[in-house]
């Protein structure tokens, strides 16, 4: 999630700053009973900060994507093998029906 320790430290400092500003805004809102612009800004920033952090946690990385690509490539090979098996099975079924038709004609006309 973090590229380096410096970014992690910056995010931690920003998060603590926003937590403090949000707490002060909540206190002022509770005391005054109304929302002022200077109280809304920290609340909106904290909301966006949390949203971005959530997106970063769930973000698919290039390595994850390449891993999925490799898995799908393996599935493609398996389906190719199944296709060959179905092709063989189709010819066996056709041969079986042809044999049964010939046997039926033999029984009906020769016997």
PDB file of N, CA and C in Angstrom:
ATOM      1  N   UNK A   1       0.835  -1.189   0.000  1.00  0.00           N
ATOM      2  CA  UNK A   1       0.000   0.000   0.000  1.00  0.00           C
ATOM      3  C   UNK A   1       0.875   1.246   0.000  1.00  0.00           C
ATOM      4  N   UNK A   2       1.908   1.283   0.830  1.00  0.00           N
ATOM      5  CA  UNK A   2       2.790   2.435   0.887  1.00  0.00           C
ATOM      6  C   UNK A   2       4.054   2.145   0.102  1.00  0.00           C
ATOM      7  N   UNK A   3       4.496   3.145  -0.651  1.00  0.00           N
ATOM      8  CA  UNK A   3       5.713   2.969  -1.444  1.00  0.00           C
ATOM      9  C   UNK A   3       6.952   3.045  -0.566  1.00  0.00           C
ATOM     10  N   UNK A   4       6.883   3.880   0.442  1.00  0.00           N
ATOM     11  CA  UNK A   4       8.044   3.999   1.323  1.00  0.00           C
ATOM     12  C   UNK A   4       7.593   4.490   2.702  1.00  0.00           C
ATOM     13  N   UNK A   5       8.531   4.505   3.634  1.00  0.00           N
ATOM     14  CA  UNK A   5       8.214   4.912   5.011  1.00  0.00           C
ATOM     15  C   UNK A   5       7.864   6.389   5.096  1.00  0.00           C
ATOM     16  N   UNK A   6       8.457   7.199   4.222  1.00  0.00           N
ATOM     17  CA  UNK A   6       8.182   8.632   4.251  1.00  0.00           C
ATOM     18  C   UNK A   6       6.719   8.911   3.912  1.00  0.00           C
ATOM     19  N   UNK A   7       6.208   8.223   2.918  1.00  0.00           N
ATOM     20  CA  UNK A   7       4.801   8.403   2.550  1.00  0.00           C
ATOM     21  C   UNK A   7       3.889   7.934   3.682  1.00  0.00           C
ATOM     22  N   UNK A   8       4.267   6.827   4.329  1.00  0.00           N
ATOM     23  CA  UNK A   8       3.487   6.312   5.444  1.00  0.00           C
ATOM     24  C   UNK A   8       3.468   7.331   6.583  1.00  0.00           C
ATOM     25  N   UNK A   9       4.608   7.959   6.839  1.00  0.00           N
ATOM     26  CA  UNK A   9       4.699   8.960   7.912  1.00  0.00           C
ATOM     27  C   UNK A   9       3.860  10.190   7.557  1.00  0.00           C
ATOM     28  N   UNK A  10       3.930  10.619   6.307  1.00  0.00           N
ATOM     29  CA  UNK A  10       3.125  11.768   5.868  1.00  0.00           C
ATOM     30  C   UNK A  10       1.638  11.484   6.031  1.00  0.00           C
ATOM     31  N   UNK A  11       1.209  10.285   5.619  1.00  0.00           N
ATOM     32  CA  UNK A  11      -0.204   9.929   5.752  1.00  0.00           C
ATOM     33  C   UNK A  11      -0.626   9.860   7.212  1.00  0.00           C
ATOM     34  N   UNK A  12       0.244   9.366   8.065  1.00  0.00           N
ATOM     35  CA  UNK A  12      -0.074   9.276   9.492  1.00  0.00           C
ATOM     36  C   UNK A  12      -0.219  10.669  10.099  1.00  0.00           C
ATOM     37  N   UNK A  13       0.694  11.570   9.751  1.00  0.00           N
ATOM     38  CA  UNK A  13       0.631  12.947  10.256  1.00  0.00           C
ATOM     39  C   UNK A  13      -0.643  13.629   9.774  1.00  0.00           C
ATOM     40  N   UNK A  14      -0.948  13.460   8.487  1.00  0.00           N
ATOM     41  CA  UNK A  14      -2.156  14.068   7.922  1.00  0.00           C
ATOM     42  C   UNK A  14      -3.403  13.492   8.578  1.00  0.00           C
ATOM     43  N   UNK A  15      -3.422  12.202   8.803  1.00  0.00           N
ATOM     44  CA  UNK A  15      -4.572  11.561   9.441  1.00  0.00           C
ATOM     45  C   UNK A  15      -4.774  12.087  10.861  1.00  0.00           C
ATOM     46  N   UNK A  16      -3.703  12.215  11.609  1.00  0.00           N
ATOM     47  CA  UNK A  16      -3.801  12.732  12.980  1.00  0.00           C
ATOM     48  C   UNK A  16      -4.263  14.186  12.979  1.00  0.00           C
ATOM     49  N   UNK A  17      -3.749  14.989  12.034  1.00  0.00           N
ATOM     50  CA  UNK A  17      -4.169  16.380  11.918  1.00  0.00           C
ATOM     51  C   UNK A  17      -5.664  16.465  11.627  1.00  0.00           C
ATOM     52  N   UNK A  18      -6.121  15.636  10.656  1.00  0.00           N
ATOM     53  CA  UNK A  18      -7.539  15.653  10.302  1.00  0.00           C
ATOM     54  C   UNK A  18      -8.402  15.137  11.447  1.00  0.00           C
ATOM     55  N   UNK A  19      -7.938  14.120  12.159  1.00  0.00           N
ATOM     56  CA  UNK A  19      -8.695  13.620  13.315  1.00  0.00           C
ATOM     57  C   UNK A  19      -8.890  14.722  14.352  1.00  0.00           C
ATOM     58  N   UNK A  20      -7.829  15.469  14.607  1.00  0.00           N
ATOM     59  CA  UNK A  20      -7.893  16.566  15.571  1.00  0.00           C
ATOM     60  C   UNK A  20      -8.857  17.652  15.076  1.00  0.00           C
ATOM     61  N   UNK A  21      -8.756  18.023  13.803  1.00  0.00           N
ATOM     62  CA  UNK A  21      -9.627  19.070  13.245  1.00  0.00           C
ATOM     63  C   UNK A  21     -11.085  18.614  13.248  1.00  0.00           C
ATOM     64  N   UNK A  22     -11.330  17.352  12.954  1.00  0.00           N
ATOM     65  CA  UNK A  22     -12.697  16.816  12.966  1.00  0.00           C
ATOM     66  C   UNK A  22     -13.252  16.838  14.381  1.00  0.00           C
ATOM     67  N   UNK A  23     -12.445  16.462  15.355  1.00  0.00           N
ATOM     68  CA  UNK A  23     -12.902  16.465  16.739  1.00  0.00           C
ATOM     69  C   UNK A  23     -13.257  17.880  17.191  1.00  0.00           C
ATOM     70  N   UNK A  24     -12.426  18.855  16.817  1.00  0.00           N
ATOM     71  CA  UNK A  24     -12.731  20.253  17.154  1.00  0.00           C
ATOM     72  C   UNK A  24     -14.009  20.705  16.464  1.00  0.00           C
ATOM     73  N   UNK A  25     -14.193  20.313  15.190  1.00  0.00           N
ATOM     74  CA  UNK A  25     -15.402  20.690  14.456  1.00  0.00           C
ATOM     75  C   UNK A  25     -16.641  20.082  15.110  1.00  0.00           C
ATOM     76  N   UNK A  26     -16.565  18.832  15.512  1.00  0.00           N
ATOM     77  CA  UNK A  26     -17.699  18.185  16.173  1.00  0.00           C
ATOM     78  C   UNK A  26     -18.045  18.882  17.489  1.00  0.00           C
ATOM     79  N   UNK A  27     -17.017  19.278  18.214  1.00  0.00           N
ATOM     80  CA  UNK A  27     -17.244  19.983  19.483  1.00  0.00           C
ATOM     81  C   UNK A  27     -17.952  21.309  19.236  1.00  0.00           C
ATOM     82  N   UNK A  28     -17.458  22.086  18.236  1.00  0.00           N
ATOM     83  CA  UNK A  28     -18.090  23.382  17.926  1.00  0.00           C
ATOM     84  C   UNK A  28     -19.520  23.199  17.427  1.00  0.00           C
ATOM     85  N   UNK A  29     -19.749  22.163  16.627  1.00  0.00           N
ATOM     86  CA  UNK A  29     -21.106  21.913  16.122  1.00  0.00           C
ATOM     87  C   UNK A  29     -22.029  21.561  17.284  1.00  0.00           C
ATOM     88  N   UNK A  30     -21.542  20.741  18.215  1.00  0.00           N
ATOM     89  CA  UNK A  30     -22.356  20.369  19.374  1.00  0.00           C
ATOM     90  C   UNK A  30     -22.658  21.587  20.249  1.00  0.00           C
ATOM     91  N   UNK A  31     -21.674  22.485  20.415  1.00  0.00           N
ATOM     92  CA  UNK A  31     -21.867  23.668  21.254  1.00  0.00           C
ATOM     93  C   UNK A  31     -22.775  24.695  20.584  1.00  0.00           C
ATOM     94  N   UNK A  32     -22.552  24.963  19.273  1.00  0.00           N
ATOM     95  CA  UNK A  32     -23.307  26.012  18.572  1.00  0.00           C
ATOM     96  C   UNK A  32     -24.620  25.503  17.995  1.00  0.00           C
ATOM     97  N   UNK A  33     -24.689  24.207  17.710  1.00  0.00           N
ATOM     98  CA  UNK A  33     -25.911  23.661  17.129  1.00  0.00           C
ATOM     99  C   UNK A  33     -26.039  23.915  15.636  1.00  0.00           C
ATOM    100  N   UNK A  34     -24.975  24.371  14.998  1.00  0.00           N
ATOM    101  CA  UNK A  34     -25.036  24.592  13.552  1.00  0.00           C
ATOM    102  C   UNK A  34     -23.680  24.272  12.930  1.00  0.00           C
ATOM    103  N   UNK A  35     -23.710  24.058  11.636  1.00  0.00           N
ATOM    104  CA  UNK A  35     -22.497  23.720  10.887  1.00  0.00           C
ATOM    105  C   UNK A  35     -21.999  24.966  10.166  1.00  0.00           C
ATOM    106  N   UNK A  36     -20.742  25.316  10.429  1.00  0.00           N
ATOM    107  CA  UNK A  36     -20.137  26.454   9.737  1.00  0.00           C
ATOM    108  C   UNK A  36     -19.163  25.942   8.693  1.00  0.00           C
ATOM    109  N   UNK A  37     -18.802  26.784   7.749  1.00  0.00           N
ATOM    110  CA  UNK A  37     -17.900  26.405   6.664  1.00  0.00           C
ATOM    111  C   UNK A  37     -16.575  25.905   7.208  1.00  0.00           C
ATOM    112  N   UNK A  38     -16.024  26.601   8.181  1.00  0.00           N
ATOM    113  CA  UNK A  38     -14.729  26.183   8.726  1.00  0.00           C
ATOM    114  C   UNK A  38     -14.800  24.838   9.455  1.00  0.00           C
ATOM    115  N   UNK A  39     -16.017  24.423   9.859  1.00  0.00           N
ATOM    116  CA  UNK A  39     -16.187  23.098  10.461  1.00  0.00           C
ATOM    117  C   UNK A  39     -16.440  22.035   9.394  1.00  0.00           C
ATOM    118  N   UNK A  40     -17.057  22.421   8.289  1.00  0.00           N
ATOM    119  CA  UNK A  40     -17.386  21.462   7.235  1.00  0.00           C
ATOM    120  C   UNK A  40     -16.144  21.017   6.474  1.00  0.00           C
ATOM    121  N   UNK A  41     -15.191  21.901   6.298  1.00  0.00           N
ATOM    122  CA  UNK A  41     -13.998  21.573   5.507  1.00  0.00           C
ATOM    123  C   UNK A  41     -13.227  20.393   6.102  1.00  0.00           C
ATOM    124  N   UNK A  42     -12.896  20.390   7.398  1.00  0.00           N
ATOM    125  CA  UNK A  42     -12.180  19.219   7.930  1.00  0.00           C
ATOM    126  C   UNK A  42     -12.997  17.931   7.841  1.00  0.00           C
ATOM    127  N   UNK A  43     -14.316  18.049   8.018  1.00  0.00           N
ATOM    128  CA  UNK A  43     -15.165  16.864   7.920  1.00  0.00           C
ATOM    129  C   UNK A  43     -15.124  16.282   6.502  1.00  0.00           C
ATOM    130  N   UNK A  44     -15.201  17.154   5.507  1.00  0.00           N
ATOM    131  CA  UNK A  44     -15.146  16.680   4.115  1.00  0.00           C
ATOM    132  C   UNK A  44     -13.771  16.114   3.769  1.00  0.00           C
ATOM    133  N   UNK A  45     -12.710  16.775   4.240  1.00  0.00           N
ATOM    134  CA  UNK A  45     -11.358  16.279   3.964  1.00  0.00           C
ATOM    135  C   UNK A  45     -11.133  14.910   4.610  1.00  0.00           C
ATOM    136  N   UNK A  46     -11.602  14.737   5.831  1.00  0.00           N
ATOM    137  CA  UNK A  46     -11.435  13.451   6.509  1.00  0.00           C
ATOM    138  C   UNK A  46     -12.220  12.371   5.775  1.00  0.00           C
ATOM    139  N   UNK A  47     -13.401  12.707   5.314  1.00  0.00           N
ATOM    140  CA  UNK A  47     -14.208  11.751   4.560  1.00  0.00           C
ATOM    141  C   UNK A  47     -13.484  11.318   3.282  1.00  0.00           C
ATOM    142  N   UNK A  48     -12.913  12.277   2.563  1.00  0.00           N
ATOM    143  CA  UNK A  48     -12.176  11.958   1.340  1.00  0.00           C
ATOM    144  C   UNK A  48     -10.902  11.172   1.640  1.00  0.00           C
ATOM    145  N   UNK A  49     -10.228  11.521   2.716  1.00  0.00           N
ATOM    146  CA  UNK A  49      -9.011  10.801   3.106  1.00  0.00           C
ATOM    147  C   UNK A  49      -9.330   9.335   3.391  1.00  0.00           C
ATOM    148  N   UNK A  50     -10.415   9.090   4.125  1.00  0.00           N
ATOM    149  CA  UNK A  50     -10.829   7.719   4.429  1.00  0.00           C
ATOM    150  C   UNK A  50     -11.234   6.972   3.157  1.00  0.00           C
ATOM    151  N   UNK A  51     -11.919   7.662   2.258  1.00  0.00           N
ATOM    152  CA  UNK A  51     -12.369   7.043   1.008  1.00  0.00           C
ATOM    153  C   UNK A  51     -11.165   6.627   0.152  1.00  0.00           C
ATOM    154  N   UNK A  52     -10.188   7.501   0.040  1.00  0.00           N
ATOM    155  CA  UNK A  52      -8.989   7.190  -0.754  1.00  0.00           C
ATOM    156  C   UNK A  52      -8.209   6.046  -0.119  1.00  0.00           C
ATOM    157  N   UNK A  53      -8.097   6.052   1.195  1.00  0.00           N
ATOM    158  CA  UNK A  53      -7.387   4.964   1.883  1.00  0.00           C
ATOM    159  C   UNK A  53      -8.090   3.634   1.638  1.00  0.00           C
ATOM    160  N   UNK A  54      -9.417   3.653   1.645  1.00  0.00           N
ATOM    161  CA  UNK A  54     -10.190   2.441   1.381  1.00  0.00           C
ATOM    162  C   UNK A  54      -9.955   1.958  -0.052  1.00  0.00           C
ATOM    163  N   UNK A  55      -9.938   2.870  -1.006  1.00  0.00           N
ATOM    164  CA  UNK A  55      -9.688   2.497  -2.401  1.00  0.00           C
ATOM    165  C   UNK A  55      -8.291   1.919  -2.591  1.00  0.00           C
ATOM    166  N   UNK A  56      -7.303   2.492  -1.909  1.00  0.00           N
ATOM    167  CA  UNK A  56      -5.931   1.986  -2.014  1.00  0.00           C
ATOM    168  C   UNK A  56      -5.826   0.579  -1.449  1.00  0.00           C
ATOM    169  N   UNK A  57      -6.583   0.293  -0.374  1.00  0.00           N
ATOM    170  CA  UNK A  57      -6.552  -1.046   0.219  1.00  0.00           C
ATOM    171  C   UNK A  57      -7.108  -2.083  -0.749  1.00  0.00           C
ATOM    172  N   UNK A  58      -8.172  -1.736  -1.486  1.00  0.00           N
ATOM    173  CA  UNK A  58      -8.842  -2.678  -2.381  1.00  0.00           C
ATOM    174  C   UNK A  58      -8.313  -2.640  -3.807  1.00  0.00           C
ATOM    175  N   UNK A  59      -7.337  -1.787  -4.062  1.00  0.00           N
ATOM    176  CA  UNK A  59      -6.822  -1.620  -5.415  1.00  0.00           C
ATOM    177  C   UNK A  59      -6.056  -2.870  -5.855  1.00  0.00           C
ATOM    178  N   UNK A  60      -6.275  -3.265  -7.104  1.00  0.00           N
ATOM    179  CA  UNK A  60      -5.559  -4.399  -7.680  1.00  0.00           C
ATOM    180  C   UNK A  60      -4.233  -3.897  -8.232  1.00  0.00           C
ATOM    181  N   UNK A  61      -3.167  -4.553  -7.825  1.00  0.00           N
ATOM    182  CA  UNK A  61      -1.848  -4.148  -8.297  1.00  0.00           C
ATOM    183  C   UNK A  61      -1.529  -4.836  -9.622  1.00  0.00           C
ATOM    184  N   UNK A  62      -0.497  -4.386 -10.257  1.00  0.00           N
ATOM    185  CA  UNK A  62      -0.076  -4.974 -11.523  1.00  0.00           C
ATOM    186  C   UNK A  62       0.286  -6.449 -11.343  1.00  0.00           C
ATOM    187  N   UNK A  63       0.933  -6.771 -10.233  1.00  0.00           N
ATOM    188  CA  UNK A  63       1.300  -8.167  -9.959  1.00  0.00           C
ATOM    189  C   UNK A  63       0.048  -9.029  -9.798  1.00  0.00           C
ATOM    190  N   UNK A  64      -0.964  -8.493  -9.093  1.00  0.00           N
ATOM    191  CA  UNK A  64      -2.229  -9.228  -8.943  1.00  0.00           C
ATOM    192  C   UNK A  64      -2.874  -9.461 -10.292  1.00  0.00           C
ATOM    193  N   UNK A  65      -2.900  -8.419 -11.118  1.00  0.00           N
ATOM    194  CA  UNK A  65      -3.521  -8.520 -12.434  1.00  0.00           C
ATOM    195  C   UNK A  65      -2.780  -9.533 -13.301  1.00  0.00           C
ATOM    196  N   UNK A  66      -1.447  -9.498 -13.277  1.00  0.00           N
ATOM    197  CA  UNK A  66      -0.673 -10.453 -14.074  1.00  0.00           C
ATOM    198  C   UNK A  66      -0.890 -11.881 -13.578  1.00  0.00           C
ATOM    199  N   UNK A  67      -1.067 -12.051 -12.269  1.00  0.00           N
ATOM    200  CA  UNK A  67      -1.371 -13.368 -11.726  1.00  0.00           C
ATOM    201  C   UNK A  67      -2.703 -13.887 -12.241  1.00  0.00           C
ATOM    202  N   UNK A  68      -3.701 -13.004 -12.290  1.00  0.00           N
ATOM    203  CA  UNK A  68      -4.999 -13.401 -12.842  1.00  0.00           C
ATOM    204  C   UNK A  68      -4.885 -13.743 -14.322  1.00  0.00           C
ATOM    205  N   UNK A  69      -4.080 -12.966 -15.021  1.00  0.00           N
ATOM    206  CA  UNK A  69      -3.885 -13.226 -16.451  1.00  0.00           C
ATOM    207  C   UNK A  69      -3.272 -14.606 -16.663  1.00  0.00           C
ATOM    208  N   UNK A  70      -2.309 -14.971 -15.822  1.00  0.00           N
ATOM    209  CA  UNK A  70      -1.691 -16.293 -15.922  1.00  0.00           C
ATOM    210  C   UNK A  70      -2.697 -17.399 -15.619  1.00  0.00           C
ATOM    211  N   UNK A  71      -3.561 -17.173 -14.622  1.00  0.00           N
ATOM    212  CA  UNK A  71      -4.580 -18.171 -14.293  1.00  0.00           C
ATOM    213  C   UNK A  71      -5.543 -18.366 -15.461  1.00  0.00           C
ATOM    214  N   UNK A  72      -5.968 -17.265 -16.089  1.00  0.00           N
ATOM    215  CA  UNK A  72      -6.889 -17.372 -17.217  1.00  0.00           C
ATOM    216  C   UNK A  72      -6.212 -18.032 -18.407  1.00  0.00           C
ATOM    217  N   UNK A  73      -4.926 -17.820 -18.567  1.00  0.00           N
ATOM    218  CA  UNK A  73      -4.195 -18.481 -19.639  1.00  0.00           C
ATOM    219  C   UNK A  73      -4.201 -19.989 -19.408  1.00  0.00           C
ATOM    220  N   UNK A  74      -4.028 -20.409 -18.168  1.00  0.00           N
ATOM    221  CA  UNK A  74      -4.092 -21.831 -17.845  1.00  0.00           C
ATOM    222  C   UNK A  74      -5.468 -22.403 -18.113  1.00  0.00           C
ATOM    223  N   UNK A  75      -6.519 -21.636 -17.800  1.00  0.00           N
ATOM    224  CA  UNK A  75      -7.878 -22.091 -18.083  1.00  0.00           C
ATOM    225  C   UNK A  75      -8.105 -22.226 -19.588  1.00  0.00           C
ATOM    226  N   UNK A  76      -7.524 -21.322 -20.351  1.00  0.00           N
ATOM    227  CA  UNK A  76      -7.662 -21.384 -21.804  1.00  0.00           C
ATOM    228  C   UNK A  76      -7.071 -22.688 -22.337  1.00  0.00           C
ATOM    229  N   UNK A  77      -5.919 -23.086 -21.795  1.00  0.00           N
ATOM    230  CA  UNK A  77      -5.297 -24.345 -22.209  1.00  0.00           C
ATOM    231  C   UNK A  77      -6.183 -25.536 -21.842  1.00  0.00           C
ATOM    232  N   UNK A  78      -6.793 -25.490 -20.656  1.00  0.00           N
ATOM    233  CA  UNK A  78      -7.677 -26.577 -20.236  1.00  0.00           C
ATOM    234  C   UNK A  78      -8.899 -26.667 -21.142  1.00  0.00           C
ATOM    235  N   UNK A  79      -9.480 -25.533 -21.490  1.00  0.00           N
ATOM    236  CA  UNK A  79     -10.647 -25.539 -22.369  1.00  0.00           C
ATOM    237  C   UNK A  79     -10.278 -26.027 -23.766  1.00  0.00           C
ATOM    238  N   UNK A  80      -9.080 -25.731 -24.195  1.00  0.00           N
ATOM    239  CA  UNK A  80      -8.617 -26.235 -25.483  1.00  0.00           C
ATOM    240  C   UNK A  80      -8.567 -27.765 -25.451  1.00  0.00           C
ATOM    241  N   UNK A  81      -8.090 -28.329 -24.358  1.00  0.00           N
ATOM    242  CA  UNK A  81      -8.068 -29.783 -24.207  1.00  0.00           C
ATOM    243  C   UNK A  81      -9.469 -30.366 -24.196  1.00  0.00           C
ATOM    244  N   UNK A  82     -10.398 -29.686 -23.508  1.00  0.00           N
ATOM    245  CA  UNK A  82     -11.791 -30.138 -23.494  1.00  0.00           C
ATOM    246  C   UNK A  82     -12.400 -30.086 -24.889  1.00  0.00           C
ATOM    247  N   UNK A  83     -12.045 -29.084 -25.652  1.00  0.00           N
ATOM    248  CA  UNK A  83     -12.556 -28.960 -27.014  1.00  0.00           C
ATOM    249  C   UNK A  83     -12.112 -30.155 -27.852  1.00  0.00           C
ATOM    250  N   UNK A  84     -10.866 -30.562 -27.701  1.00  0.00           N
ATOM    251  CA  UNK A  84     -10.366 -31.731 -28.433  1.00  0.00           C
ATOM    252  C   UNK A  84     -11.114 -32.994 -27.998  1.00  0.00           C
ATOM    253  N   UNK A  85     -11.379 -33.114 -26.700  1.00  0.00           N
ATOM    254  CA  UNK A  85     -12.105 -34.286 -26.211  1.00  0.00           C
ATOM    255  C   UNK A  85     -13.528 -34.322 -26.751  1.00  0.00           C
ATOM    256  N   UNK A  86     -14.200 -33.183 -26.792  1.00  0.00           N
ATOM    257  CA  UNK A  86     -15.556 -33.133 -27.329  1.00  0.00           C
ATOM    258  C   UNK A  86     -15.563 -33.436 -28.822  1.00  0.00           C
ATOM    259  N   UNK A  87     -14.557 -32.978 -29.516  1.00  0.00           N
ATOM    260  CA  UNK A  87     -14.457 -33.278 -30.942  1.00  0.00           C
ATOM    261  C   UNK A  87     -14.352 -34.782 -31.152  1.00  0.00           C
ATOM    262  N   UNK A  88     -13.497 -35.453 -30.374  1.00  0.00           N
ATOM    263  CA  UNK A  88     -13.355 -36.905 -30.459  1.00  0.00           C
ATOM    264  C   UNK A  88     -14.673 -37.584 -30.102  1.00  0.00           C
ATOM    265  N   UNK A  89     -15.335 -37.114 -29.030  1.00  0.00           N
ATOM    266  CA  UNK A  89     -16.600 -37.685 -28.595  1.00  0.00           C
ATOM    267  C   UNK A  89     -17.666 -37.532 -29.676  1.00  0.00           C
ATOM    268  N   UNK A  90     -17.666 -36.406 -30.367  1.00  0.00           N
ATOM    269  CA  UNK A  90     -18.623 -36.175 -31.454  1.00  0.00           C
ATOM    270  C   UNK A  90     -18.448 -37.241 -32.540  1.00  0.00           C
ATOM    271  N   UNK A  91     -17.207 -37.531 -32.908  1.00  0.00           N
ATOM    272  CA  UNK A  91     -16.961 -38.533 -33.953  1.00  0.00           C
ATOM    273  C   UNK A  91     -17.352 -39.924 -33.471  1.00  0.00           C
ATOM    274  N   UNK A  92     -17.140 -40.248 -32.209  1.00  0.00           N
ATOM    275  CA  UNK A  92     -17.546 -41.544 -31.667  1.00  0.00           C
ATOM    276  C   UNK A  92     -19.062 -41.682 -31.720  1.00  0.00           C
ATOM    277  N   UNK A  93     -19.777 -40.613 -31.348  1.00  0.00           N
ATOM    278  CA  UNK A  93     -21.247 -40.644 -31.377  1.00  0.00           C
ATOM    279  C   UNK A  93     -21.747 -40.791 -32.812  1.00  0.00           C
ATOM    280  N   UNK A  94     -21.167 -40.057 -33.739  1.00  0.00           N
ATOM    281  CA  UNK A  94     -21.575 -40.171 -35.148  1.00  0.00           C
ATOM    282  C   UNK A  94     -21.330 -41.598 -35.652  1.00  0.00           C
ATOM    283  N   UNK A  95     -20.168 -42.153 -35.330  1.00  0.00           N
ATOM    284  CA  UNK A  95     -19.862 -43.520 -35.745  1.00  0.00           C
ATOM    285  C   UNK A  95     -20.856 -44.506 -35.131  1.00  0.00           C
ATOM    286  N   UNK A  96     -21.197 -44.295 -33.853  1.00  0.00           N
ATOM    287  CA  UNK A  96     -22.156 -45.169 -33.174  1.00  0.00           C
ATOM    288  C   UNK A  96     -23.526 -45.121 -33.817  1.00  0.00           C
ATOM    289  N   UNK A  97     -24.018 -43.935 -34.116  1.00  0.00           N
ATOM    290  CA  UNK A  97     -25.317 -43.811 -34.776  1.00  0.00           C
ATOM    291  C   UNK A  97     -25.287 -44.421 -36.179  1.00  0.00           C
ATOM    292  N   UNK A  98     -24.208 -44.242 -36.884  1.00  0.00           N
ATOM    293  CA  UNK A  98     -24.073 -44.831 -38.221  1.00  0.00           C
ATOM    294  C   UNK A  98     -24.092 -46.354 -38.125  1.00  0.00           C
ATOM    295  N   UNK A  99     -23.354 -46.882 -37.153  1.00  0.00           N
ATOM    296  CA  UNK A  99     -23.339 -48.335 -36.954  1.00  0.00           C
ATOM    297  C   UNK A  99     -24.725 -48.854 -36.600  1.00  0.00           C
ATOM    298  N   UNK A 100     -25.429 -48.139 -35.707  1.00  0.00           N
ATOM    299  CA  UNK A 100     -26.782 -48.562 -35.334  1.00  0.00           C
ATOM    300  C   UNK A 100     -27.734 -48.499 -36.520  1.00  0.00           C
ATOM    301  N   UNK A 101     -27.607 -47.449 -37.361  1.00  0.00           N
ATOM    302  CA  UNK A 101     -28.464 -47.340 -38.549  1.00  0.00           C
ATOM    303  C   UNK A 101     -28.185 -48.488 -39.505  1.00  0.00           C
ATOM    304  N   UNK A 102     -26.914 -48.809 -39.717  1.00  0.00           N
ATOM    305  CA  UNK A 102     -26.560 -49.919 -40.610  1.00  0.00           C
ATOM    306  C   UNK A 102     -27.072 -51.234 -40.042  1.00  0.00           C
ATOM    307  N   UNK A 103     -26.945 -51.432 -38.741  1.00  0.00           N
ATOM    308  CA  UNK A 103     -27.428 -52.653 -38.099  1.00  0.00           C
ATOM    309  C   UNK A 103     -28.938 -52.767 -38.220  1.00  0.00           C
ATOM    310  N   UNK A 104     -29.631 -51.650 -38.052  1.00  0.00           N
ATOM    311  CA  UNK A 104     -31.084 -51.638 -38.184  1.00  0.00           C
ATOM    312  C   UNK A 104     -31.503 -51.980 -39.609  1.00  0.00           C
ATOM    313  N   UNK A 105     -30.807 -51.426 -40.593  1.00  0.00           N
ATOM    314  CA  UNK A 105     -31.119 -51.738 -41.996  1.00  0.00           C
ATOM    315  C   UNK A 105     -30.838 -53.212 -42.279  1.00  0.00           C
ATOM    316  N   UNK A 106     -29.776 -53.744 -41.758  1.00  0.00           N
ATOM    317  CA  UNK A 106     -29.442 -55.164 -41.961  1.00  0.00           C
ATOM    318  C   UNK A 106     -30.542 -56.050 -41.385  1.00  0.00           C
ATOM    319  N   UNK A 107     -30.976 -55.722 -40.157  1.00  0.00           N
ATOM    320  CA  UNK A 107     -32.007 -56.522 -39.522  1.00  0.00           C
ATOM    321  C   UNK A 107     -33.338 -56.400 -40.269  1.00  0.00           C
ATOM    322  N   UNK A 108     -33.685 -55.178 -40.728  1.00  0.00           N
ATOM    323  CA  UNK A 108     -34.965 -54.952 -41.384  1.00  0.00           C
ATOM    324  C   UNK A 108     -35.020 -55.591 -42.773  1.00  0.00           C
ATOM    325  N   UNK A 109     -33.943 -55.528 -43.556  1.00  0.00           N
ATOM    326  CA  UNK A 109     -34.020 -55.974 -44.955  1.00  0.00           C
ATOM    327  C   UNK A 109     -33.409 -57.352 -45.183  1.00  0.00           C
ATOM    328  N   UNK A 110     -32.411 -57.732 -44.489  1.00  0.00           N
ATOM    329  CA  UNK A 110     -31.736 -58.991 -44.737  1.00  0.00           C
ATOM    330  C   UNK A 110     -32.402 -60.120 -43.974  1.00  0.00           C
ATOM    331  N   UNK A 111     -32.831 -59.895 -42.845  1.00  0.00           N
ATOM    332  CA  UNK A 111     -33.397 -60.945 -42.030  1.00  0.00           C
ATOM    333  C   UNK A 111     -34.797 -61.223 -42.351  1.00  0.00           C
TER     334      UNK A 111
END
